[in-house]
Amino acid sequence: EEEGDTDKVFLQLLLEQQQQQGDGGSTVTTDNDSTLVGLINWFAVHPTSMNSTNQLISGDNKGYASYLMEQKYNPPGTLVGQDDHKFVAAFASTNLGDVSPNTAGPRCLDSGLPCDPVTSTCHGLNELCVAFGPGRDMFESTQIIGRKQFDKAVELVDEVVAHKTKHRVPAGRVASRHSFIDMRQLNVTLPASNGTVVR
């Protein structure tokens, strides 16, 4: 069991492409023969800086952070995924819970007063209750929260590059598991009901 506030943990995985020997033989792994081709990191903040009034397609604060990182590590004019230089950045979400980037909190659009804290409504309407902050509008807020994630990611990349031997560098493949569960077909035993099984 880990101690501390896991909501403040910023985990990052750097992806490197290893250069092969000239004869096409086995892959070698020294500090000087790999190229950083991307990163995936996880930080607990919702990508909801663009509030419910937004009618544009947006990657929100996570997308903005990815955009900044790809701009930093690719040559100008690079089309990520299409050009030879294709550093790709993924800013993923982790144990979110109630980790809103909207630091000014929810306010009523019609009055500017705080929303009802129990129902998240204004005069009984949830459509009028919208969260704001830290910027003057949702666009500036998206940039502020995205920039903070980007800045921390760059700090971690620079630290690994400068002191590579002091960091554990995992080797091997990255795998994932995914399954679909039809909850309508799943039996659940209710512990407080003397073993009643429900579907």
C-alpha atoms as a PDB file:
ATOM      1  CA  GLU A   1       0.000   0.000   0.000  1.00  0.00           C
ATOM      2  CA  GLU A   2       1.420   3.346  -1.020  1.00  0.00           C
ATOM      3  CA  GLU A   3       1.457   6.246   1.383  1.00  0.00           C
ATOM      4  CA  GLY A   4       0.785   9.829   0.390  1.00  0.00           C
ATOM      5  CA  ASP A   5      -1.580  11.592  -1.942  1.00  0.00           C
ATOM      6  CA  THR A   6      -1.633   9.600  -5.178  1.00  0.00           C
ATOM      7  CA  ASP A   7      -3.505  12.458  -6.851  1.00  0.00           C
ATOM      8  CA  LYS A   8      -0.192  14.351  -6.897  1.00  0.00           C
ATOM      9  CA  VAL A   9       1.811  11.540  -8.543  1.00  0.00           C
ATOM     10  CA  PHE A  10       2.925  12.222 -12.114  1.00  0.00           C
ATOM     11  CA  LEU A  11       3.996   8.945 -13.748  1.00  0.00           C
ATOM     12  CA  GLN A  12       5.753   9.035 -17.090  1.00  0.00           C
ATOM     13  CA  LEU A  13       6.951   6.357 -19.514  1.00  0.00           C
ATOM     14  CA  LEU A  14       9.444   7.370 -22.196  1.00  0.00           C
ATOM     15  CA  LEU A  15       9.444   5.454 -25.465  1.00  0.00           C
ATOM     16  CA  GLU A  16      12.713   4.925 -27.294  1.00  0.00           C
ATOM     17  CA  GLN A  17      13.451   3.395 -30.655  1.00  0.00           C
ATOM     18  CA  GLN A  18      16.602   1.343 -30.502  1.00  0.00           C
ATOM     19  CA  GLN A  19      19.032   1.558 -33.392  1.00  0.00           C
ATOM     20  CA  GLN A  20      20.010  -1.740 -34.975  1.00  0.00           C
ATOM     21  CA  GLN A  21      23.513  -2.789 -35.898  1.00  0.00           C
ATOM     22  CA  GLY A  22      24.602  -2.128 -39.479  1.00  0.00           C
ATOM     23  CA  ASP A  23      24.240  -5.780 -40.468  1.00  0.00           C
ATOM     24  CA  GLY A  24      20.603  -5.842 -39.415  1.00  0.00           C
ATOM     25  CA  GLY A  25      21.517  -8.093 -36.497  1.00  0.00           C
ATOM     26  CA  SER A  26      20.458  -7.957 -32.899  1.00  0.00           C
ATOM     27  CA  THR A  27      19.300  -4.780 -31.243  1.00  0.00           C
ATOM     28  CA  VAL A  28      21.827  -3.061 -29.022  1.00  0.00           C
ATOM     29  CA  THR A  29      20.942  -1.056 -25.933  1.00  0.00           C
ATOM     30  CA  THR A  30      23.440   1.551 -24.852  1.00  0.00           C
ATOM     31  CA  ASP A  31      22.817   5.149 -23.794  1.00  0.00           C
ATOM     32  CA  ASN A  32      23.890   6.512 -27.167  1.00  0.00           C
ATOM     33  CA  ASP A  33      22.022   4.283 -29.598  1.00  0.00           C
ATOM     34  CA  SER A  34      18.377   5.067 -28.969  1.00  0.00           C
ATOM     35  CA  THR A  35      16.099   7.877 -30.040  1.00  0.00           C
ATOM     36  CA  LEU A  36      13.271   9.251 -27.959  1.00  0.00           C
ATOM     37  CA  VAL A  37      10.138   8.675 -30.050  1.00  0.00           C
ATOM     38  CA  GLY A  38       7.402   9.406 -27.570  1.00  0.00           C
ATOM     39  CA  LEU A  39       6.059   9.397 -24.072  1.00  0.00           C
ATOM     40  CA  ILE A  40       2.964   8.405 -22.177  1.00  0.00           C
ATOM     41  CA  ASN A  41       2.267   9.915 -18.817  1.00  0.00           C
ATOM     42  CA  TRP A  42      -0.529   9.696 -16.316  1.00  0.00           C
ATOM     43  CA  PHE A  43      -1.686  12.490 -14.036  1.00  0.00           C
ATOM     44  CA  ALA A  44      -4.954  12.736 -12.139  1.00  0.00           C
ATOM     45  CA  VAL A  45      -6.783  15.744 -13.562  1.00  0.00           C
ATOM     46  CA  HIS A  46      -9.962  15.660 -15.631  1.00  0.00           C
ATOM     47  CA  PRO A  47      -9.719  16.897 -19.222  1.00  0.00           C
ATOM     48  CA  THR A  48     -12.679  19.200 -18.580  1.00  0.00           C
ATOM     49  CA  SER A  49     -11.202  22.694 -18.758  1.00  0.00           C
ATOM     50  CA  MET A  50     -13.433  23.221 -21.785  1.00  0.00           C
ATOM     51  CA  ASN A  51     -16.730  23.410 -19.929  1.00  0.00           C
ATOM     52  CA  SER A  52     -20.177  22.315 -21.038  1.00  0.00           C
ATOM     53  CA  THR A  53     -20.750  25.515 -23.014  1.00  0.00           C
ATOM     54  CA  ASN A  54     -18.009  24.510 -25.483  1.00  0.00           C
ATOM     55  CA  GLN A  55     -19.286  23.516 -28.916  1.00  0.00           C
ATOM     56  CA  LEU A  56     -15.882  22.995 -30.524  1.00  0.00           C
ATOM     57  CA  ILE A  57     -13.907  19.778 -30.988  1.00  0.00           C
ATOM     58  CA  SER A  58     -11.096  19.835 -28.452  1.00  0.00           C
ATOM     59  CA  GLY A  59      -8.453  17.638 -26.849  1.00  0.00           C
ATOM     60  CA  ASP A  60      -8.886  19.841 -23.772  1.00  0.00           C
ATOM     61  CA  ASN A  61      -5.948  20.321 -21.361  1.00  0.00           C
ATOM     62  CA  LYS A  62      -4.516  16.829 -22.055  1.00  0.00           C
ATOM     63  CA  GLY A  63      -4.607  17.455 -25.800  1.00  0.00           C
ATOM     64  CA  TYR A  64      -2.984  20.861 -25.395  1.00  0.00           C
ATOM     65  CA  ALA A  65      -0.174  19.341 -23.302  1.00  0.00           C
ATOM     66  CA  SER A  66       0.349  16.656 -25.979  1.00  0.00           C
ATOM     67  CA  TYR A  67       0.420  19.332 -28.676  1.00  0.00           C
ATOM     68  CA  LEU A  68       3.068  21.353 -26.806  1.00  0.00           C
ATOM     69  CA  MET A  69       5.229  18.263 -26.230  1.00  0.00           C
ATOM     70  CA  GLU A  70       5.042  17.179 -29.867  1.00  0.00           C
ATOM     71  CA  GLN A  71       5.944  20.727 -30.960  1.00  0.00           C
ATOM     72  CA  LYS A  72       8.974  20.665 -28.649  1.00  0.00           C
ATOM     73  CA  TYR A  73      10.388  17.318 -29.768  1.00  0.00           C
ATOM     74  CA  ASN A  74       9.562  17.388 -33.498  1.00  0.00           C
ATOM     75  CA  PRO A  75      11.082  19.661 -36.148  1.00  0.00           C
ATOM     76  CA  PRO A  76       8.891  22.604 -37.237  1.00  0.00           C
ATOM     77  CA  GLY A  77       6.177  21.618 -39.699  1.00  0.00           C
ATOM     78  CA  THR A  78       6.164  17.948 -38.698  1.00  0.00           C
ATOM     79  CA  LEU A  79       2.948  16.050 -39.279  1.00  0.00           C
ATOM     80  CA  VAL A  80       2.931  13.606 -36.392  1.00  0.00           C
ATOM     81  CA  GLY A  81       2.367  10.079 -37.645  1.00  0.00           C
ATOM     82  CA  GLN A  82       3.192  11.011 -41.245  1.00  0.00           C
ATOM     83  CA  ASP A  83       6.724  12.408 -41.323  1.00  0.00           C
ATOM     84  CA  ASP A  84       9.994  10.652 -40.467  1.00  0.00           C
ATOM     85  CA  HIS A  85      10.267  12.699 -37.270  1.00  0.00           C
ATOM     86  CA  LYS A  86       7.262  11.523 -35.339  1.00  0.00           C
ATOM     87  CA  PHE A  87       7.626  12.013 -31.627  1.00  0.00           C
ATOM     88  CA  VAL A  88       4.193  11.255 -30.159  1.00  0.00           C
ATOM     89  CA  ALA A  89       3.031  12.393 -26.723  1.00  0.00           C
ATOM     90  CA  ALA A  90       0.058  10.975 -24.837  1.00  0.00           C
ATOM     91  CA  PHE A  91      -1.104  12.701 -21.678  1.00  0.00           C
ATOM     92  CA  ALA A  92      -3.444  10.150 -20.133  1.00  0.00           C
ATOM     93  CA  SER A  93      -5.717  10.279 -17.117  1.00  0.00           C
ATOM     94  CA  THR A  94      -5.310   8.160 -14.031  1.00  0.00           C
ATOM     95  CA  ASN A  95      -7.181   7.842 -10.711  1.00  0.00           C
ATOM     96  CA  LEU A  96      -9.355  10.874 -11.337  1.00  0.00           C
ATOM     97  CA  GLY A  97     -12.052  10.795  -8.715  1.00  0.00           C
ATOM     98  CA  ASP A  98     -13.132  14.408  -8.247  1.00  0.00           C
ATOM     99  CA  VAL A  99     -10.015  16.130  -9.582  1.00  0.00           C
ATOM    100  CA  SER A 100     -11.383  19.064 -11.534  1.00  0.00           C
ATOM    101  CA  PRO A 101      -9.046  21.489 -13.292  1.00  0.00           C
ATOM    102  CA  ASN A 102     -11.671  24.201 -12.786  1.00  0.00           C
ATOM    103  CA  THR A 103     -10.132  25.773  -9.696  1.00  0.00           C
ATOM    104  CA  ALA A 104     -12.592  28.679  -9.395  1.00  0.00           C
ATOM    105  CA  GLY A 105     -15.413  26.181  -8.908  1.00  0.00           C
ATOM    106  CA  PRO A 106     -18.922  25.995 -10.344  1.00  0.00           C
ATOM    107  CA  ARG A 107     -20.917  29.200 -10.817  1.00  0.00           C
ATOM    108  CA  CYS A 108     -24.369  30.030 -12.092  1.00  0.00           C
ATOM    109  CA  LEU A 109     -24.251  31.469 -15.610  1.00  0.00           C
ATOM    110  CA  ASP A 110     -27.188  33.802 -14.952  1.00  0.00           C
ATOM    111  CA  SER A 111     -26.092  35.290 -11.620  1.00  0.00           C
ATOM    112  CA  GLY A 112     -22.374  34.531 -11.181  1.00  0.00           C
ATOM    113  CA  LEU A 113     -23.128  33.114  -7.730  1.00  0.00           C
ATOM    114  CA  PRO A 114     -21.845  29.696  -6.630  1.00  0.00           C
ATOM    115  CA  CYS A 115     -23.976  26.717  -7.670  1.00  0.00           C
ATOM    116  CA  ASP A 116     -25.916  24.781  -5.058  1.00  0.00           C
ATOM    117  CA  PRO A 117     -23.199  22.577  -3.491  1.00  0.00           C
ATOM    118  CA  VAL A 118     -25.489  19.574  -2.952  1.00  0.00           C
ATOM    119  CA  THR A 119     -27.261  19.391  -6.316  1.00  0.00           C
ATOM    120  CA  SER A 120     -24.792  21.254  -8.599  1.00  0.00           C
ATOM    121  CA  THR A 121     -27.705  23.292  -9.935  1.00  0.00           C
ATOM    122  CA  CYS A 122     -28.818  26.900 -10.215  1.00  0.00           C
ATOM    123  CA  HIS A 123     -32.503  27.433  -9.414  1.00  0.00           C
ATOM    124  CA  GLY A 124     -32.955  23.674  -9.952  1.00  0.00           C
ATOM    125  CA  LEU A 125     -31.328  23.680 -13.417  1.00  0.00           C
ATOM    126  CA  ASN A 126     -27.992  21.912 -13.945  1.00  0.00           C
ATOM    127  CA  GLU A 127     -27.575  23.584 -17.379  1.00  0.00           C
ATOM    128  CA  LEU A 128     -26.850  26.914 -15.666  1.00  0.00           C
ATOM    129  CA  CYS A 129     -24.144  25.465 -13.384  1.00  0.00           C
ATOM    130  CA  VAL A 130     -20.725  25.637 -15.070  1.00  0.00           C
ATOM    131  CA  ALA A 131     -17.253  25.322 -13.521  1.00  0.00           C
ATOM    132  CA  PHE A 132     -14.556  27.910 -14.227  1.00  0.00           C
ATOM    133  CA  GLY A 133     -10.909  28.727 -13.604  1.00  0.00           C
ATOM    134  CA  PRO A 134      -8.045  29.196 -13.337  1.00  0.00           C
ATOM    135  CA  GLY A 135      -8.105  31.416 -16.441  1.00  0.00           C
ATOM    136  CA  ARG A 136     -10.430  34.206 -17.526  1.00  0.00           C
ATOM    137  CA  ASP A 137     -12.241  31.815 -19.882  1.00  0.00           C
ATOM    138  CA  MET A 138     -12.204  28.117 -20.759  1.00  0.00           C
ATOM    139  CA  PHE A 139      -9.608  28.617 -23.502  1.00  0.00           C
ATOM    140  CA  GLU A 140      -7.110  30.261 -21.174  1.00  0.00           C
ATOM    141  CA  SER A 141      -7.893  27.664 -18.468  1.00  0.00           C
ATOM    142  CA  THR A 142      -7.196  24.860 -20.956  1.00  0.00           C
ATOM    143  CA  GLN A 143      -3.828  26.423 -21.774  1.00  0.00           C
ATOM    144  CA  ILE A 144      -2.879  26.983 -18.122  1.00  0.00           C
ATOM    145  CA  ILE A 145      -3.678  23.433 -16.985  1.00  0.00           C
ATOM    146  CA  GLY A 146      -2.193  21.913 -20.162  1.00  0.00           C
ATOM    147  CA  ARG A 147       0.976  24.006 -19.787  1.00  0.00           C
ATOM    148  CA  LYS A 148       1.444  22.841 -16.188  1.00  0.00           C
ATOM    149  CA  GLN A 149       1.298  19.193 -17.271  1.00  0.00           C
ATOM    150  CA  PHE A 150       3.648  19.897 -20.190  1.00  0.00           C
ATOM    151  CA  ASP A 151       6.161  21.715 -17.962  1.00  0.00           C
ATOM    152  CA  LYS A 152       6.302  18.820 -15.497  1.00  0.00           C
ATOM    153  CA  ALA A 153       6.661  16.291 -18.318  1.00  0.00           C
ATOM    154  CA  VAL A 154       9.582  18.250 -19.824  1.00  0.00           C
ATOM    155  CA  GLU A 155      11.214  18.457 -16.386  1.00  0.00           C
ATOM    156  CA  LEU A 156      10.994  14.668 -16.044  1.00  0.00           C
ATOM    157  CA  VAL A 157      12.311  14.051 -19.573  1.00  0.00           C
ATOM    158  CA  ASP A 158      15.249  16.390 -18.974  1.00  0.00           C
ATOM    159  CA  GLU A 159      15.993  14.659 -15.664  1.00  0.00           C
ATOM    160  CA  VAL A 160      16.035  11.221 -17.286  1.00  0.00           C
ATOM    161  CA  VAL A 161      18.193  12.382 -20.197  1.00  0.00           C
ATOM    162  CA  ALA A 162      20.693  14.120 -17.893  1.00  0.00           C
ATOM    163  CA  HIS A 163      20.925  11.263 -15.354  1.00  0.00           C
ATOM    164  CA  LYS A 164      19.836   8.224 -17.339  1.00  0.00           C
ATOM    165  CA  THR A 165      21.883   5.753 -15.332  1.00  0.00           C
ATOM    166  CA  LYS A 166      20.156   6.787 -12.077  1.00  0.00           C
ATOM    167  CA  HIS A 167      16.713   5.837 -13.373  1.00  0.00           C
ATOM    168  CA  ARG A 168      15.196   2.421 -13.852  1.00  0.00           C
ATOM    169  CA  VAL A 169      14.672   1.975 -17.558  1.00  0.00           C
ATOM    170  CA  PRO A 170      12.166  -0.800 -18.240  1.00  0.00           C
ATOM    171  CA  ALA A 171      12.924  -2.919 -21.258  1.00  0.00           C
ATOM    172  CA  GLY A 172      10.644  -5.058 -23.356  1.00  0.00           C
ATOM    173  CA  ARG A 173       7.214  -4.738 -24.840  1.00  0.00           C
ATOM    174  CA  VAL A 174       4.285  -2.721 -23.545  1.00  0.00           C
ATOM    175  CA  ALA A 175       1.120  -4.799 -23.350  1.00  0.00           C
ATOM    176  CA  SER A 176      -2.456  -4.122 -22.351  1.00  0.00           C
ATOM    177  CA  ARG A 177      -5.547  -6.084 -21.465  1.00  0.00           C
ATOM    178  CA  HIS A 178      -9.133  -5.140 -22.176  1.00  0.00           C
ATOM    179  CA  SER A 179     -12.403  -6.963 -21.784  1.00  0.00           C
ATOM    180  CA  PHE A 180     -16.058  -6.165 -22.277  1.00  0.00           C
ATOM    181  CA  ILE A 181     -18.466  -7.259 -19.581  1.00  0.00           C
ATOM    182  CA  ASP A 182     -22.187  -7.294 -20.234  1.00  0.00           C
ATOM    183  CA  MET A 183     -23.325  -6.003 -16.848  1.00  0.00           C
ATOM    184  CA  ARG A 184     -26.898  -7.079 -17.663  1.00  0.00           C
ATOM    185  CA  GLN A 185     -25.735 -10.712 -17.474  1.00  0.00           C
ATOM    186  CA  LEU A 186     -23.600 -10.356 -14.334  1.00  0.00           C
ATOM    187  CA  ASN A 187     -24.916 -11.743 -11.032  1.00  0.00           C
ATOM    188  CA  VAL A 188     -23.989  -9.743  -7.925  1.00  0.00           C
ATOM    189  CA  THR A 189     -24.437 -10.927  -4.345  1.00  0.00           C
ATOM    190  CA  LEU A 190     -25.590  -8.133  -2.058  1.00  0.00           C
ATOM    191  CA  PRO A 191     -23.648  -8.510   1.214  1.00  0.00           C
ATOM    192  CA  ALA A 192     -26.164  -6.651   3.375  1.00  0.00           C
ATOM    193  CA  SER A 193     -29.148  -8.721   2.173  1.00  0.00           C
ATOM    194  CA  ASN A 194     -28.417 -12.199   3.510  1.00  0.00           C
ATOM    195  CA  GLY A 195     -26.889 -13.342   0.228  1.00  0.00           C
ATOM    196  CA  THR A 196     -29.517 -12.092  -2.185  1.00  0.00           C
ATOM    197  CA  VAL A 197     -28.286 -12.389  -5.759  1.00  0.00           C
ATOM    198  CA  VAL A 198     -29.328  -9.682  -8.214  1.00  0.00           C
ATOM    199  CA  ARG A 199     -28.662  -9.068 -11.874  1.00  0.00           C
END
